[in-house]
PDB file of N, CA and C in Angstrom:
ATOM      1  N   MET A   1     119.761 -66.628  69.304  1.00  0.00           N
ATOM      2  CA  MET A   1     119.272 -66.240  68.500  1.00  0.00           C
ATOM      3  C   MET A   1     119.859 -67.213  67.338  1.00  0.00           C
ATOM      4  N   SER A   2     119.164 -67.610  66.401  1.00  0.00           N
ATOM      5  CA  SER A   2     119.840 -68.288  65.345  1.00  0.00           C
ATOM      6  C   SER A   2     120.471 -67.275  64.038  1.00  0.00           C
ATOM      7  N   SER A   3     121.359 -67.586  63.405  1.00  0.00           N
ATOM      8  CA  SER A   3     121.821 -66.772  62.535  1.00  0.00           C
ATOM      9  C   SER A   3     121.125 -66.771  61.643  1.00  0.00           C
ATOM     10  N   GLN A   4     120.825 -65.372  61.013  1.00  0.00           N
ATOM     11  CA  GLN A   4     119.689 -65.252  59.882  1.00  0.00           C
ATOM     12  C   GLN A   4     121.135 -64.879  58.635  1.00  0.00           C
ATOM     13  N   SER A   5     120.151 -65.093  57.353  1.00  0.00           N
ATOM     14  CA  SER A   5     120.946 -64.796  56.426  1.00  0.00           C
ATOM     15  C   SER A   5     121.114 -62.969  56.150  1.00  0.00           C
ATOM     16  N   PRO A   6     122.212 -62.240  55.585  1.00  0.00           N
ATOM     17  CA  PRO A   6     122.030 -61.071  55.358  1.00  0.00           C
ATOM     18  C   PRO A   6     120.774 -60.379  54.864  1.00  0.00           C
ATOM     19  N   GLN A   7     120.372 -59.641  55.470  1.00  0.00           N
ATOM     20  CA  GLN A   7     119.350 -58.997  54.418  1.00  0.00           C
ATOM     21  C   GLN A   7     119.893 -58.213  53.419  1.00  0.00           C
ATOM     22  N   PRO A   8     118.989 -57.745  52.321  1.00  0.00           N
ATOM     23  CA  PRO A   8     119.371 -56.755  51.261  1.00  0.00           C
ATOM     24  C   PRO A   8     119.288 -55.532  51.516  1.00  0.00           C
ATOM     25  N   ILE A   9     120.543 -54.546  51.364  1.00  0.00           N
ATOM     26  CA  ILE A   9     120.618 -53.320  51.787  1.00  0.00           C
ATOM     27  C   ILE A   9     119.432 -52.375  51.237  1.00  0.00           C
ATOM     28  N   PRO A  10     118.889 -51.731  52.111  1.00  0.00           N
ATOM     29  CA  PRO A  10     117.555 -50.909  52.048  1.00  0.00           C
ATOM     30  C   PRO A  10     118.252 -49.732  50.847  1.00  0.00           C
ATOM     31  N   TRP A  11     117.228 -49.288  50.000  1.00  0.00           N
ATOM     32  CA  TRP A  11     117.598 -48.486  49.138  1.00  0.00           C
ATOM     33  C   TRP A  11     118.048 -47.024  49.553  1.00  0.00           C
ATOM     34  N   GLU A  12     117.305 -46.941  50.526  1.00  0.00           N
ATOM     35  CA  GLU A  12     117.601 -45.550  51.235  1.00  0.00           C
ATOM     36  C   GLU A  12     119.173 -45.397  51.597  1.00  0.00           C
ATOM     37  N   VAL A  13     119.640 -46.495  52.002  1.00  0.00           N
ATOM     38  CA  VAL A  13     121.116 -46.398  52.499  1.00  0.00           C
ATOM     39  C   VAL A  13     121.947 -46.244  51.249  1.00  0.00           C
ATOM     40  N   VAL A  14     121.304 -47.064  50.382  1.00  0.00           N
ATOM     41  CA  VAL A  14     122.228 -47.179  49.026  1.00  0.00           C
ATOM     42  C   VAL A  14     122.379 -45.785  48.362  1.00  0.00           C
ATOM     43  N   TRP A  15     121.119 -45.106  48.173  1.00  0.00           N
ATOM     44  CA  TRP A  15     120.967 -43.849  47.830  1.00  0.00           C
ATOM     45  C   TRP A  15     121.599 -42.585  48.699  1.00  0.00           C
ATOM     46  N   ILE A  16     121.695 -43.028  50.030  1.00  0.00           N
ATOM     47  CA  ILE A  16     122.455 -41.968  51.153  1.00  0.00           C
ATOM     48  C   ILE A  16     123.970 -42.168  50.573  1.00  0.00           C
ATOM     49  N   ARG A  17     124.504 -43.253  50.689  1.00  0.00           N
ATOM     50  CA  ARG A  17     125.746 -43.053  50.487  1.00  0.00           C
ATOM     51  C   ARG A  17     126.451 -42.689  49.139  1.00  0.00           C
ATOM     52  N   ARG A  18     125.521 -43.249  48.055  1.00  0.00           N
ATOM     53  CA  ARG A  18     125.812 -42.497  46.688  1.00  0.00           C
ATOM     54  C   ARG A  18     125.672 -40.755  47.024  1.00  0.00           C
ATOM     55  N   LEU A  19     124.902 -40.443  47.626  1.00  0.00           N
ATOM     56  CA  LEU A  19     124.758 -39.043  47.635  1.00  0.00           C
ATOM     57  C   LEU A  19     126.140 -38.405  48.637  1.00  0.00           C
ATOM     58  N   VAL A  20     126.270 -39.130  49.525  1.00  0.00           N
ATOM     59  CA  VAL A  20     127.459 -38.939  50.474  1.00  0.00           C
ATOM     60  C   VAL A  20     128.534 -38.509  49.349  1.00  0.00           C
ATOM     61  N   LEU A  21     128.881 -39.759  48.578  1.00  0.00           N
ATOM     62  CA  LEU A  21     130.090 -39.733  47.757  1.00  0.00           C
ATOM     63  C   LEU A  21     130.008 -38.652  46.912  1.00  0.00           C
ATOM     64  N   VAL A  22     128.951 -38.423  46.342  1.00  0.00           N
ATOM     65  CA  VAL A  22     128.976 -37.267  45.548  1.00  0.00           C
ATOM     66  C   VAL A  22     129.279 -36.033  45.912  1.00  0.00           C
ATOM     67  N   LEU A  23     128.642 -35.901  47.149  1.00  0.00           N
ATOM     68  CA  LEU A  23     128.960 -34.768  47.414  1.00  0.00           C
ATOM     69  C   LEU A  23     130.364 -34.469  48.046  1.00  0.00           C
ATOM     70  N   LEU A  24     130.943 -35.480  48.593  1.00  0.00           N
ATOM     71  CA  LEU A  24     132.405 -35.347  48.847  1.00  0.00           C
ATOM     72  C   LEU A  24     133.380 -35.025  47.588  1.00  0.00           C
ATOM     73  N   VAL A  25     133.099 -35.944  46.505  1.00  0.00           N
ATOM     74  CA  VAL A  25     133.854 -35.500  45.227  1.00  0.00           C
ATOM     75  C   VAL A  25     133.715 -33.881  44.674  1.00  0.00           C
ATOM     76  N   VAL A  26     132.444 -33.458  44.978  1.00  0.00           N
ATOM     77  CA  VAL A  26     132.167 -32.051  44.725  1.00  0.00           C
ATOM     78  C   VAL A  26     132.565 -31.294  45.367  1.00  0.00           C
ATOM     79  N   LEU A  27     133.080 -31.526  46.793  1.00  0.00           N
ATOM     80  CA  LEU A  27     133.464 -30.837  47.657  1.00  0.00           C
ATOM     81  C   LEU A  27     135.063 -30.735  47.531  1.00  0.00           C
ATOM     82  N   ILE A  28     135.465 -31.952  47.106  1.00  0.00           N
ATOM     83  CA  ILE A  28     137.024 -32.195  46.979  1.00  0.00           C
ATOM     84  C   ILE A  28     137.388 -31.324  45.558  1.00  0.00           C
ATOM     85  N   LEU A  29     136.292 -31.082  44.604  1.00  0.00           N
ATOM     86  CA  LEU A  29     136.530 -30.474  43.339  1.00  0.00           C
ATOM     87  C   LEU A  29     136.693 -29.057  43.522  1.00  0.00           C
ATOM     88  N   PHE A  30     135.741 -28.696  44.511  1.00  0.00           N
ATOM     89  CA  PHE A  30     135.688 -26.978  44.809  1.00  0.00           C
ATOM     90  C   PHE A  30     137.012 -26.818  45.260  1.00  0.00           C
ATOM     91  N   LEU A  31     137.249 -27.284  46.174  1.00  0.00           N
ATOM     92  CA  LEU A  31     138.241 -26.931  47.206  1.00  0.00           C
ATOM     93  C   LEU A  31     139.545 -26.806  46.021  1.00  0.00           C
ATOM     94  N   LEU A  32     139.756 -28.024  45.291  1.00  0.00           N
ATOM     95  CA  LEU A  32     140.746 -27.851  44.215  1.00  0.00           C
ATOM     96  C   LEU A  32     140.821 -26.666  43.327  1.00  0.00           C
ATOM     97  N   VAL A  33     139.435 -26.275  43.020  1.00  0.00           N
ATOM     98  CA  VAL A  33     139.376 -25.198  42.072  1.00  0.00           C
ATOM     99  C   VAL A  33     139.814 -23.557  42.770  1.00  0.00           C
ATOM    100  N   ALA A  34     139.200 -23.735  44.056  1.00  0.00           N
ATOM    101  CA  ALA A  34     139.589 -22.709  44.794  1.00  0.00           C
ATOM    102  C   ALA A  34     141.021 -22.376  45.100  1.00  0.00           C
ATOM    103  N   LEU A  35     141.674 -23.608  45.525  1.00  0.00           N
ATOM    104  CA  LEU A  35     143.039 -23.452  45.754  1.00  0.00           C
ATOM    105  C   LEU A  35     143.789 -22.832  44.502  1.00  0.00           C
ATOM    106  N   ALA A  36     143.353 -23.917  43.493  1.00  0.00           N
ATOM    107  CA  ALA A  36     144.159 -23.181  42.126  1.00  0.00           C
ATOM    108  C   ALA A  36     143.620 -21.591  41.902  1.00  0.00           C
ATOM    109  N   ALA A  37     142.689 -21.102  42.013  1.00  0.00           N
ATOM    110  CA  ALA A  37     142.444 -19.636  41.681  1.00  0.00           C
ATOM    111  C   ALA A  37     142.856 -18.837  42.729  1.00  0.00           C
ATOM    112  N   PHE A  38     143.180 -19.378  43.941  1.00  0.00           N
ATOM    113  CA  PHE A  38     143.862 -18.869  45.041  1.00  0.00           C
ATOM    114  C   PHE A  38     145.553 -18.238  44.383  1.00  0.00           C
ATOM    115  N   VAL A  39     146.063 -19.698  44.114  1.00  0.00           N
ATOM    116  CA  VAL A  39     147.385 -19.580  43.594  1.00  0.00           C
ATOM    117  C   VAL A  39     147.576 -18.756  42.533  1.00  0.00           C
ATOM    118  N   ASN A  40     146.791 -18.977  41.787  1.00  0.00           N
ATOM    119  CA  ASN A  40     146.932 -17.926  40.330  1.00  0.00           C
ATOM    120  C   ASN A  40     146.801 -16.668  40.713  1.00  0.00           C
ATOM    121  N   ALA A  41     145.849 -16.149  41.641  1.00  0.00           N
ATOM    122  CA  ALA A  41     145.669 -14.643  42.308  1.00  0.00           C
ATOM    123  C   ALA A  41     146.925 -14.567  42.799  1.00  0.00           C
ATOM    124  N   ALA A  42     147.401 -15.199  43.685  1.00  0.00           N
ATOM    125  CA  ALA A  42     148.583 -15.041  44.564  1.00  0.00           C
ATOM    126  C   ALA A  42     149.914 -14.554  43.616  1.00  0.00           C
ATOM    127  N   PHE A  43     150.007 -15.538  42.678  1.00  0.00           N
ATOM    128  CA  PHE A  43     151.020 -15.204  41.882  1.00  0.00           C
ATOM    129  C   PHE A  43     150.909 -13.964  40.828  1.00  0.00           C
ATOM    130  N   ALA A  44     149.532 -14.109  40.452  1.00  0.00           N
ATOM    131  CA  ALA A  44     149.436 -12.649  39.395  1.00  0.00           C
ATOM    132  C   ALA A  44     149.777 -11.230  40.447  1.00  0.00           C
ATOM    133  N   HIS A  45     149.223 -11.595  41.573  1.00  0.00           N
ATOM    134  CA  HIS A  45     149.796 -10.363  42.502  1.00  0.00           C
ATOM    135  C   HIS A  45     151.361 -10.234  42.949  1.00  0.00           C
ATOM    136  N   LEU A  46     152.113 -11.369  42.805  1.00  0.00           N
ATOM    137  CA  LEU A  46     153.412 -11.047  42.905  1.00  0.00           C
ATOM    138  C   LEU A  46     153.997 -10.652  41.809  1.00  0.00           C
ATOM    139  N   GLU A  47     153.424 -11.040  40.445  1.00  0.00           N
ATOM    140  CA  GLU A  47     154.254 -10.722  39.575  1.00  0.00           C
ATOM    141  C   GLU A  47     153.452  -9.221  39.057  1.00  0.00           C
ATOM    142  N   CYS A  48     153.098  -8.596  39.821  1.00  0.00           N
ATOM    143  CA  CYS A  48     151.940  -7.269  39.419  1.00  0.00           C
ATOM    144  C   CYS A  48     151.379  -7.177  38.174  1.00  0.00           C
ATOM    145  N   GLY A  49     150.895  -8.297  37.698  1.00  0.00           N
ATOM    146  CA  GLY A  49     150.304  -8.363  36.335  1.00  0.00           C
ATOM    147  C   GLY A  49     151.055  -8.108  35.187  1.00  0.00           C
ATOM    148  N   GLY A  50     152.079  -8.495  35.390  1.00  0.00           N
ATOM    149  CA  GLY A  50     153.204  -8.598  34.172  1.00  0.00           C
ATOM    150  C   GLY A  50     152.771  -9.363  32.840  1.00  0.00           C
ATOM    151  N   GLY A  51     152.712 -10.522  33.296  1.00  0.00           N
ATOM    152  CA  GLY A  51     152.450 -11.649  32.353  1.00  0.00           C
ATOM    153  C   GLY A  51     151.040 -11.734  32.366  1.00  0.00           C
ATOM    154  N   ALA A  52     150.117 -11.460  32.709  1.00  0.00           N
ATOM    155  CA  ALA A  52     148.446 -11.871  32.581  1.00  0.00           C
ATOM    156  C   ALA A  52     147.636 -11.333  31.330  1.00  0.00           C
ATOM    157  N   PRO A  53     147.470 -12.021  30.803  1.00  0.00           N
ATOM    158  CA  PRO A  53     146.732 -11.629  29.286  1.00  0.00           C
ATOM    159  C   PRO A  53     145.627 -10.989  29.990  1.00  0.00           C
ATOM    160  N   ALA A  54     145.179 -10.144  28.658  1.00  0.00           N
ATOM    161  CA  ALA A  54     144.132  -8.887  29.065  1.00  0.00           C
ATOM    162  C   ALA A  54     142.759 -10.008  28.637  1.00  0.00           C
ATOM    163  N   ALA A  55     142.601 -10.842  28.085  1.00  0.00           N
ATOM    164  CA  ALA A  55     141.780 -11.488  27.568  1.00  0.00           C
ATOM    165  C   ALA A  55     141.369 -12.587  28.605  1.00  0.00           C
ATOM    166  N   ALA A  56     141.954 -12.520  29.700  1.00  0.00           N
ATOM    167  CA  ALA A  56     141.763 -13.766  30.589  1.00  0.00           C
ATOM    168  C   ALA A  56     140.092 -13.327  31.491  1.00  0.00           C
ATOM    169  N   GLY A  57     140.078 -12.192  31.304  1.00  0.00           N
ATOM    170  CA  GLY A  57     139.044 -12.081  32.239  1.00  0.00           C
ATOM    171  C   GLY A  57     138.829 -10.727  32.945  1.00  0.00           C
ATOM    172  N   GLY A  58     137.767  -9.994  33.311  1.00  0.00           N
ATOM    173  CA  GLY A  58     137.933  -9.198  34.331  1.00  0.00           C
ATOM    174  C   GLY A  58     137.313  -7.834  33.446  1.00  0.00           C
TER     175      GLY A  58
END
């Protein structure tokens, strides 16, 4: 078979790749936020709520 010129990438593949990229970024951001909240809660629990401002929520 003769070598053909590379065909253009179908838009479905492009959108799927973009969707996967966006989902990965969102997942990483969600994990970072969850980790930060977990660490914050752990430190607040260790400090027994000594330095937590009342306006922080709750």
